[in-house]
């Protein structure tokens, strides 16, 4: 995950900010061409009422060199982008920006 995708400061030539929906709730989605997993903040999952499951600890190295961990995921979340549905697995990662 790149530093700019992590801190939400601005898109770069490797990130794209788009609007999507989960259960008819609008959400901002950072698409980062260098990411290998999909991440979500715990506050977003709480607000949407999503049910998560524990997972083995995943260490995530972010662009500034810091390592963050996540131990919970949300499987098969239905994400709508421009009337297209994508089912994605989301790992909870406490990020801010």
N, C-alpha and C. Protein backbone atom coordinates (compact mmCIF):
# COMPACT_ATOMS: atom_id res chain seq x y z
N UNK A 1 0.85 -1.15 0.00
CA UNK A 1 0.00 0.00 0.00
C UNK A 1 0.91 1.23 0.00
N UNK A 2 0.68 2.17 -0.87
CA UNK A 2 1.55 3.33 -0.95
C UNK A 2 1.25 4.32 0.16
N UNK A 3 2.19 5.18 0.46
CA UNK A 3 2.02 6.18 1.51
C UNK A 3 0.81 7.07 1.24
N UNK A 4 0.64 7.53 0.00
CA UNK A 4 -0.47 8.43 -0.30
C UNK A 4 -1.82 7.72 -0.21
N UNK A 5 -1.86 6.46 -0.57
CA UNK A 5 -3.11 5.71 -0.40
C UNK A 5 -3.40 5.53 1.08
N UNK A 6 -2.35 5.35 1.88
CA UNK A 6 -2.52 5.17 3.31
C UNK A 6 -2.98 6.43 3.99
N UNK A 7 -2.36 7.55 3.70
CA UNK A 7 -2.72 8.77 4.44
C UNK A 7 -3.86 9.55 3.79
N UNK A 8 -4.26 9.17 2.57
CA UNK A 8 -5.40 9.81 1.94
C UNK A 8 -5.14 11.24 1.50
N UNK A 9 -3.89 11.64 1.41
CA UNK A 9 -3.58 13.04 1.15
C UNK A 9 -3.85 13.46 -0.29
N UNK A 10 -3.47 12.64 -1.22
CA UNK A 10 -3.70 13.01 -2.63
C UNK A 10 -3.39 11.81 -3.51
N UNK A 11 -4.06 11.74 -4.64
CA UNK A 11 -3.74 10.65 -5.56
C UNK A 11 -2.38 10.88 -6.22
N UNK A 12 -1.75 9.81 -6.61
CA UNK A 12 -0.51 9.91 -7.36
C UNK A 12 -0.74 9.21 -8.69
N UNK A 13 0.32 9.01 -9.45
CA UNK A 13 0.15 8.31 -10.71
C UNK A 13 -0.11 6.82 -10.50
N UNK A 14 -0.06 6.35 -9.24
CA UNK A 14 -0.31 4.95 -8.94
C UNK A 14 -1.59 4.75 -8.14
N UNK A 15 -2.30 5.84 -7.79
CA UNK A 15 -3.53 5.73 -7.02
C UNK A 15 -4.66 6.47 -7.72
N UNK A 16 -5.87 6.03 -7.41
CA UNK A 16 -7.05 6.63 -8.00
C UNK A 16 -8.12 6.65 -6.92
N UNK A 17 -8.77 7.79 -6.73
CA UNK A 17 -9.85 7.92 -5.76
C UNK A 17 -11.17 7.88 -6.51
N UNK A 18 -12.03 6.91 -6.17
CA UNK A 18 -13.33 6.78 -6.83
C UNK A 18 -14.42 6.65 -5.77
N UNK A 19 -15.66 6.87 -6.19
CA UNK A 19 -16.81 6.74 -5.30
C UNK A 19 -17.50 5.42 -5.59
N UNK A 20 -17.82 4.69 -4.54
CA UNK A 20 -18.54 3.43 -4.67
C UNK A 20 -19.62 3.35 -3.61
N UNK A 21 -20.25 2.20 -3.52
CA UNK A 21 -21.30 1.98 -2.54
C UNK A 21 -21.20 0.59 -1.95
N UNK A 22 -21.53 0.51 -0.66
CA UNK A 22 -21.72 -0.76 0.02
C UNK A 22 -23.08 -0.65 0.69
N UNK A 23 -23.99 -1.53 0.34
CA UNK A 23 -25.37 -1.49 0.87
C UNK A 23 -26.00 -0.11 0.72
N UNK A 24 -25.83 0.50 -0.42
CA UNK A 24 -26.39 1.81 -0.76
C UNK A 24 -25.78 2.97 0.02
N UNK A 25 -24.72 2.73 0.78
CA UNK A 25 -24.01 3.79 1.47
C UNK A 25 -22.81 4.22 0.63
N UNK A 26 -22.66 5.51 0.36
CA UNK A 26 -21.51 5.95 -0.44
C UNK A 26 -20.21 5.81 0.35
N UNK A 27 -19.18 5.34 -0.31
CA UNK A 27 -17.86 5.23 0.30
C UNK A 27 -16.81 5.70 -0.70
N UNK A 28 -15.70 6.21 -0.17
CA UNK A 28 -14.56 6.58 -1.00
C UNK A 28 -13.63 5.38 -1.07
N UNK A 29 -13.14 5.10 -2.27
CA UNK A 29 -12.28 3.94 -2.50
C UNK A 29 -10.97 4.42 -3.11
N UNK A 30 -9.87 4.11 -2.43
CA UNK A 30 -8.54 4.38 -3.00
C UNK A 30 -8.11 3.13 -3.75
N UNK A 31 -7.89 3.24 -5.02
CA UNK A 31 -7.36 2.14 -5.81
C UNK A 31 -5.86 2.41 -5.96
N UNK A 32 -5.06 1.48 -5.48
CA UNK A 32 -3.61 1.63 -5.49
C UNK A 32 -3.01 0.49 -6.30
N UNK A 33 -2.37 0.82 -7.40
CA UNK A 33 -1.84 -0.20 -8.31
C UNK A 33 -0.73 -1.03 -7.67
N UNK A 34 -0.20 -0.60 -6.54
CA UNK A 34 0.87 -1.36 -5.90
C UNK A 34 0.36 -2.22 -4.74
N UNK A 35 -0.92 -2.16 -4.41
CA UNK A 35 -1.47 -2.95 -3.32
C UNK A 35 -1.80 -4.37 -3.77
N UNK A 36 -1.64 -5.31 -2.84
CA UNK A 36 -1.97 -6.70 -3.14
C UNK A 36 -3.21 -7.17 -2.39
N UNK A 37 -3.69 -6.38 -1.43
CA UNK A 37 -4.86 -6.72 -0.64
C UNK A 37 -5.79 -5.52 -0.57
N UNK A 38 -7.01 -5.75 -0.09
CA UNK A 38 -8.00 -4.70 0.08
C UNK A 38 -8.18 -4.43 1.57
N UNK A 39 -8.15 -3.15 1.95
CA UNK A 39 -8.22 -2.79 3.36
C UNK A 39 -9.39 -1.86 3.63
N UNK A 40 -9.87 -1.90 4.87
CA UNK A 40 -10.97 -1.05 5.29
C UNK A 40 -10.73 -0.66 6.75
N UNK A 41 -11.21 0.52 7.13
CA UNK A 41 -11.11 0.95 8.51
C UNK A 41 -12.23 0.32 9.33
N UNK A 42 -11.93 0.01 10.58
CA UNK A 42 -12.92 -0.61 11.47
C UNK A 42 -14.16 0.28 11.62
N UNK A 43 -13.98 1.59 11.65
CA UNK A 43 -15.11 2.50 11.78
C UNK A 43 -16.09 2.39 10.61
N UNK A 44 -15.57 2.14 9.43
CA UNK A 44 -16.43 1.97 8.25
C UNK A 44 -17.23 0.69 8.38
N UNK A 45 -16.59 -0.39 8.78
CA UNK A 45 -17.32 -1.66 8.91
C UNK A 45 -18.37 -1.57 10.02
N UNK A 46 -18.05 -0.86 11.09
CA UNK A 46 -19.04 -0.68 12.17
C UNK A 46 -20.24 0.11 11.66
N UNK A 47 -19.99 1.19 10.94
CA UNK A 47 -21.07 2.04 10.43
C UNK A 47 -21.96 1.28 9.44
N UNK A 48 -21.37 0.37 8.68
CA UNK A 48 -22.12 -0.40 7.69
C UNK A 48 -22.75 -1.65 8.27
N UNK A 49 -22.39 -1.99 9.51
CA UNK A 49 -22.95 -3.18 10.14
C UNK A 49 -22.45 -4.48 9.54
N UNK A 50 -21.23 -4.48 9.01
CA UNK A 50 -20.66 -5.69 8.40
C UNK A 50 -20.20 -6.66 9.48
N UNK A 51 -20.32 -7.94 9.19
CA UNK A 51 -19.89 -9.00 10.11
C UNK A 51 -18.52 -9.50 9.69
N UNK A 52 -17.54 -9.33 10.56
CA UNK A 52 -16.18 -9.76 10.26
C UNK A 52 -15.85 -11.09 10.90
N UNK A 53 -14.75 -11.67 10.47
CA UNK A 53 -14.27 -12.92 11.04
C UNK A 53 -12.79 -12.76 11.38
N UNK A 54 -12.34 -13.44 12.44
CA UNK A 54 -10.91 -13.40 12.75
C UNK A 54 -10.11 -14.10 11.65
N UNK A 55 -8.91 -13.63 11.42
CA UNK A 55 -8.03 -14.24 10.44
C UNK A 55 -6.62 -14.27 11.02
N UNK A 56 -5.76 -15.07 10.44
CA UNK A 56 -4.37 -15.07 10.90
C UNK A 56 -3.78 -13.68 10.68
N UNK A 57 -2.86 -13.32 11.54
CA UNK A 57 -2.30 -11.97 11.50
C UNK A 57 -1.59 -11.72 10.18
N UNK A 58 -1.95 -10.61 9.56
CA UNK A 58 -1.34 -10.17 8.31
C UNK A 58 -0.54 -8.91 8.60
N UNK A 59 0.76 -8.95 8.33
CA UNK A 59 1.59 -7.76 8.49
C UNK A 59 1.62 -7.01 7.17
N UNK A 60 1.40 -5.71 7.26
CA UNK A 60 1.33 -4.87 6.07
C UNK A 60 2.44 -3.83 6.15
N UNK A 61 3.32 -3.83 5.17
CA UNK A 61 4.38 -2.84 5.08
C UNK A 61 3.86 -1.68 4.25
N UNK A 62 3.80 -0.51 4.84
CA UNK A 62 3.28 0.66 4.14
C UNK A 62 4.44 1.50 3.60
N UNK A 63 4.08 2.44 2.74
CA UNK A 63 5.08 3.21 1.99
C UNK A 63 6.09 3.97 2.82
N UNK A 64 5.74 4.36 4.04
CA UNK A 64 6.68 5.11 4.87
C UNK A 64 7.61 4.19 5.66
N UNK A 65 7.52 2.86 5.40
CA UNK A 65 8.40 1.90 6.06
C UNK A 65 7.81 1.30 7.32
N UNK A 66 6.69 1.83 7.79
CA UNK A 66 6.06 1.31 8.99
C UNK A 66 5.36 -0.01 8.68
N UNK A 67 5.29 -0.88 9.67
CA UNK A 67 4.59 -2.15 9.52
C UNK A 67 3.34 -2.12 10.40
N UNK A 68 2.18 -2.38 9.80
CA UNK A 68 0.92 -2.43 10.53
C UNK A 68 0.40 -3.86 10.48
N UNK A 69 -0.42 -4.23 11.45
CA UNK A 69 -0.98 -5.58 11.46
C UNK A 69 -2.50 -5.54 11.42
N UNK A 70 -3.07 -6.57 10.85
CA UNK A 70 -4.52 -6.74 10.90
C UNK A 70 -4.81 -8.21 11.19
N UNK A 71 -5.91 -8.44 11.92
CA UNK A 71 -6.26 -9.80 12.33
C UNK A 71 -7.74 -10.09 12.13
N UNK A 72 -8.41 -9.28 11.33
CA UNK A 72 -9.84 -9.45 11.08
C UNK A 72 -10.12 -9.14 9.62
N UNK A 73 -11.08 -9.86 9.05
CA UNK A 73 -11.42 -9.61 7.66
C UNK A 73 -12.92 -9.73 7.44
N UNK A 74 -13.35 -9.19 6.34
CA UNK A 74 -14.74 -9.24 5.92
C UNK A 74 -14.74 -9.89 4.54
N UNK A 75 -15.37 -11.05 4.44
CA UNK A 75 -15.33 -11.83 3.20
C UNK A 75 -16.51 -11.50 2.30
N UNK A 76 -16.21 -11.44 1.01
CA UNK A 76 -17.23 -11.35 -0.02
C UNK A 76 -18.15 -10.13 0.14
N UNK A 77 -17.56 -8.98 0.44
CA UNK A 77 -18.32 -7.73 0.58
C UNK A 77 -18.74 -7.27 -0.81
N UNK A 78 -20.02 -6.96 -0.98
CA UNK A 78 -20.52 -6.50 -2.28
C UNK A 78 -20.28 -5.00 -2.41
N UNK A 79 -19.41 -4.65 -3.32
CA UNK A 79 -19.01 -3.28 -3.58
C UNK A 79 -19.53 -2.88 -4.95
N UNK A 80 -20.25 -1.77 -5.03
CA UNK A 80 -20.78 -1.29 -6.30
C UNK A 80 -19.95 -0.09 -6.77
N UNK A 81 -19.49 -0.17 -8.01
CA UNK A 81 -18.77 0.94 -8.64
C UNK A 81 -19.37 1.12 -10.03
N UNK A 82 -19.96 2.28 -10.25
CA UNK A 82 -20.59 2.60 -11.53
C UNK A 82 -21.49 1.48 -12.02
N UNK A 83 -22.43 1.08 -11.18
CA UNK A 83 -23.44 0.06 -11.48
C UNK A 83 -22.87 -1.34 -11.72
N UNK A 84 -21.62 -1.55 -11.37
CA UNK A 84 -21.00 -2.88 -11.48
C UNK A 84 -20.73 -3.39 -10.08
N UNK A 85 -21.03 -4.66 -9.86
CA UNK A 85 -20.81 -5.27 -8.56
C UNK A 85 -19.49 -6.02 -8.53
N UNK A 86 -18.74 -5.79 -7.45
CA UNK A 86 -17.50 -6.51 -7.19
C UNK A 86 -17.61 -7.13 -5.81
N UNK A 87 -17.31 -8.40 -5.69
CA UNK A 87 -17.29 -9.05 -4.38
C UNK A 87 -15.83 -9.12 -3.95
N UNK A 88 -15.52 -8.46 -2.84
CA UNK A 88 -14.13 -8.35 -2.40
C UNK A 88 -13.99 -8.78 -0.95
N UNK A 89 -12.81 -9.26 -0.62
CA UNK A 89 -12.44 -9.53 0.77
C UNK A 89 -11.71 -8.31 1.29
N UNK A 90 -12.10 -7.85 2.46
CA UNK A 90 -11.51 -6.65 3.05
C UNK A 90 -10.84 -7.00 4.37
N UNK A 91 -9.61 -6.58 4.54
CA UNK A 91 -8.89 -6.74 5.80
C UNK A 91 -8.99 -5.44 6.58
N UNK A 92 -9.23 -5.56 7.89
CA UNK A 92 -9.31 -4.39 8.74
C UNK A 92 -7.90 -3.90 9.02
N UNK A 93 -7.66 -2.64 8.73
CA UNK A 93 -6.36 -2.03 8.97
C UNK A 93 -6.61 -0.64 9.54
N UNK A 94 -6.10 -0.39 10.73
CA UNK A 94 -6.33 0.91 11.36
C UNK A 94 -5.42 1.96 10.72
N UNK A 95 -6.00 2.65 9.77
CA UNK A 95 -5.32 3.72 9.06
C UNK A 95 -6.06 5.02 9.30
N UNK A 96 -5.40 6.12 9.08
CA UNK A 96 -6.07 7.41 9.23
C UNK A 96 -5.49 8.36 8.18
N UNK A 97 -6.22 9.42 7.96
CA UNK A 97 -5.77 10.37 6.97
C UNK A 97 -6.65 11.57 6.94
